[in-house]
């Protein structure tokens, strides 16, 4: 009979927030081995301690970066992030586009006009017309979402 492992709520939370250190085994700093308070799986805590070691304890950058499992460029990025926005700036940012960058207001207006002229047009046909008119390739599902957002705005 297979063993059932209990889920670790902290591990789940770190993963959900994209703060799970992908290489906790690389953290060699003695603090992370000596107490449960310091958790090598917590990426934000590891980066904070790495920067603090340099800023407060005056440890060499290369030594600190190595002890916390990072490169020197990664140290400089974390240091600059903290200088800009404190510890909160160490939280990973959401990846990917922030908006529908291909579907500008001009493109969505074009789609709406095309649909008004011919209500039978579906997203694959609209995608083809975008490719012909603007030279851009847009997935039909993206078109459906953009048109749905426009419909919600009208209501």
Protein backbone atom coordinates (compact mmCIF):
# COMPACT_ATOMS: atom_id res chain seq x y z
CA UNK A 1 0.00 0.00 0.00
CA UNK A 2 1.54 3.39 -1.01
CA UNK A 3 2.31 5.98 1.64
CA UNK A 4 0.18 9.11 1.56
CA UNK A 5 2.17 12.22 2.36
CA UNK A 6 0.56 15.11 4.18
CA UNK A 7 0.60 18.32 2.16
CA UNK A 8 2.78 21.11 3.43
CA UNK A 9 0.63 24.28 3.58
CA UNK A 10 3.67 26.59 3.55
CA UNK A 11 5.09 24.85 0.50
CA UNK A 12 1.72 25.17 -1.24
CA UNK A 13 1.50 28.88 -0.36
CA UNK A 14 5.04 29.57 -1.61
CA UNK A 15 4.27 27.78 -4.85
CA UNK A 16 0.98 29.67 -5.39
CA UNK A 17 2.72 33.01 -4.87
CA UNK A 18 5.66 32.01 -7.14
CA UNK A 19 8.00 32.44 -4.15
CA UNK A 20 9.21 28.85 -4.03
CA UNK A 21 12.99 28.72 -4.37
CA UNK A 22 13.70 26.33 -7.25
CA UNK A 23 17.10 25.42 -5.74
CA UNK A 24 16.85 25.35 -1.94
CA UNK A 25 19.64 22.78 -1.86
CA UNK A 26 22.08 25.48 -3.08
CA UNK A 27 21.57 27.59 0.05
CA UNK A 28 24.67 26.91 2.15
CA UNK A 29 24.41 29.78 4.64
CA UNK A 30 24.69 28.43 8.22
CA UNK A 31 21.57 30.30 9.42
CA UNK A 32 19.39 28.27 7.07
CA UNK A 33 20.77 25.02 8.47
CA UNK A 34 20.58 25.97 12.15
CA UNK A 35 16.95 26.97 12.70
CA UNK A 36 13.45 26.39 11.35
CA UNK A 37 12.82 30.14 11.14
CA UNK A 38 15.05 30.46 8.09
CA UNK A 39 13.56 28.45 5.23
CA UNK A 40 15.68 27.86 2.12
CA UNK A 41 12.48 27.15 0.17
CA UNK A 42 11.31 30.76 0.68
CA UNK A 43 12.84 32.68 -2.24
CA UNK A 44 12.04 36.12 -0.82
CA UNK A 45 13.60 35.31 2.55
CA UNK A 46 16.72 33.89 0.93
CA UNK A 47 17.19 36.95 -1.30
CA UNK A 48 16.54 39.32 1.60
CA UNK A 49 19.14 37.60 3.77
CA UNK A 50 21.65 37.58 0.91
CA UNK A 51 21.30 41.35 0.46
CA UNK A 52 21.29 41.97 4.22
CA UNK A 53 24.55 40.05 4.59
CA UNK A 54 26.23 42.46 2.21
CA UNK A 55 24.58 45.68 3.38
CA UNK A 56 24.63 45.11 7.15
CA UNK A 57 27.25 42.43 7.84
CA UNK A 58 29.59 43.80 5.13
CA UNK A 59 30.11 40.36 3.60
CA UNK A 60 31.66 40.30 0.13
CA UNK A 61 29.10 40.17 -2.68
CA UNK A 62 30.58 37.09 -4.34
CA UNK A 63 30.72 35.23 -1.02
CA UNK A 64 27.15 36.16 -0.12
CA UNK A 65 25.79 35.27 -3.54
CA UNK A 66 27.50 31.87 -3.43
CA UNK A 67 26.32 31.13 0.13
CA UNK A 68 22.72 31.79 -0.87
CA UNK A 69 22.87 29.89 -4.16
CA UNK A 70 22.79 32.86 -6.53
CA UNK A 71 25.07 34.47 -9.08
CA UNK A 72 26.54 37.95 -8.64
CA UNK A 73 24.17 39.40 -11.27
CA UNK A 74 21.24 37.92 -9.33
CA UNK A 75 22.56 39.63 -6.20
CA UNK A 76 22.72 42.98 -8.00
CA UNK A 77 19.16 42.52 -9.26
CA UNK A 78 17.87 41.74 -5.77
CA UNK A 79 19.84 44.65 -4.28
CA UNK A 80 18.45 47.08 -6.87
CA UNK A 81 14.91 45.77 -6.36
CA UNK A 82 15.16 46.32 -2.60
CA UNK A 83 16.61 49.80 -3.13
CA UNK A 84 13.62 50.64 -5.35
CA UNK A 85 10.81 49.10 -3.37
CA UNK A 86 11.93 47.41 -0.16
CA UNK A 87 11.36 43.77 0.62
CA UNK A 88 8.10 43.74 -1.34
CA UNK A 89 10.07 44.34 -4.51
CA UNK A 90 11.65 40.90 -4.07
CA UNK A 91 8.30 39.25 -4.77
CA UNK A 92 8.32 37.76 -8.26
CA UNK A 93 6.27 39.64 -10.84
CA UNK A 94 3.61 37.93 -12.87
CA UNK A 95 5.07 36.79 -16.18
CA UNK A 96 3.69 37.35 -19.62
CA UNK A 97 1.92 40.19 -21.34
CA UNK A 98 0.04 42.66 -19.14
CA UNK A 99 -2.69 43.25 -21.72
CA UNK A 100 -3.83 42.06 -25.11
CA UNK A 101 -0.97 43.85 -26.88
CA UNK A 102 -1.96 42.84 -30.41
CA UNK A 103 -5.58 43.77 -29.88
CA UNK A 104 -5.25 47.54 -29.64
CA UNK A 105 -8.30 49.81 -29.63
CA UNK A 106 -7.89 50.27 -33.39
CA UNK A 107 -7.87 46.50 -33.98
CA UNK A 108 -10.89 45.88 -31.73
CA UNK A 109 -12.79 48.68 -33.50
CA UNK A 110 -11.99 46.97 -36.81
CA UNK A 111 -13.31 43.65 -35.46
CA UNK A 112 -16.52 45.29 -34.26
CA UNK A 113 -17.06 46.95 -37.65
CA UNK A 114 -16.46 43.66 -39.44
CA UNK A 115 -18.95 41.91 -37.18
CA UNK A 116 -21.55 44.66 -37.69
CA UNK A 117 -21.23 44.30 -41.46
CA UNK A 118 -21.53 40.51 -41.30
CA UNK A 119 -22.92 39.05 -38.06
CA UNK A 120 -22.26 35.50 -39.28
CA UNK A 121 -18.48 35.98 -39.00
CA UNK A 122 -16.85 33.80 -36.38
CA UNK A 123 -13.48 34.24 -34.69
CA UNK A 124 -11.47 32.12 -37.20
CA UNK A 125 -12.74 34.28 -40.08
CA UNK A 126 -12.04 37.44 -38.07
CA UNK A 127 -8.50 36.19 -37.36
CA UNK A 128 -8.01 35.72 -41.10
CA UNK A 129 -9.24 39.27 -41.79
CA UNK A 130 -6.87 40.67 -39.16
CA UNK A 131 -4.00 38.86 -40.83
CA UNK A 132 -5.02 40.31 -44.22
CA UNK A 133 -5.72 43.87 -43.04
CA UNK A 134 -3.11 44.45 -40.29
CA UNK A 135 -0.62 41.68 -40.95
CA UNK A 136 -0.95 40.36 -37.39
CA UNK A 137 -1.63 36.80 -36.28
CA UNK A 138 -4.12 36.55 -33.44
CA UNK A 139 -5.57 33.35 -32.02
CA UNK A 140 -9.35 33.10 -32.51
CA UNK A 141 -9.86 32.62 -28.76
CA UNK A 142 -8.09 35.93 -28.10
CA UNK A 143 -10.53 37.60 -30.48
CA UNK A 144 -13.47 36.02 -28.65
CA UNK A 145 -12.17 37.32 -25.30
CA UNK A 146 -11.60 40.84 -26.69
CA UNK A 147 -15.08 40.99 -28.16
CA UNK A 148 -16.55 39.64 -24.94
CA UNK A 149 -14.78 42.39 -22.95
CA UNK A 150 -16.22 44.98 -25.34
CA UNK A 151 -19.70 43.53 -24.88
CA UNK A 152 -19.35 43.78 -21.08
CA UNK A 153 -18.27 47.42 -21.39
CA UNK A 154 -21.38 48.23 -23.43
CA UNK A 155 -23.73 46.79 -20.81
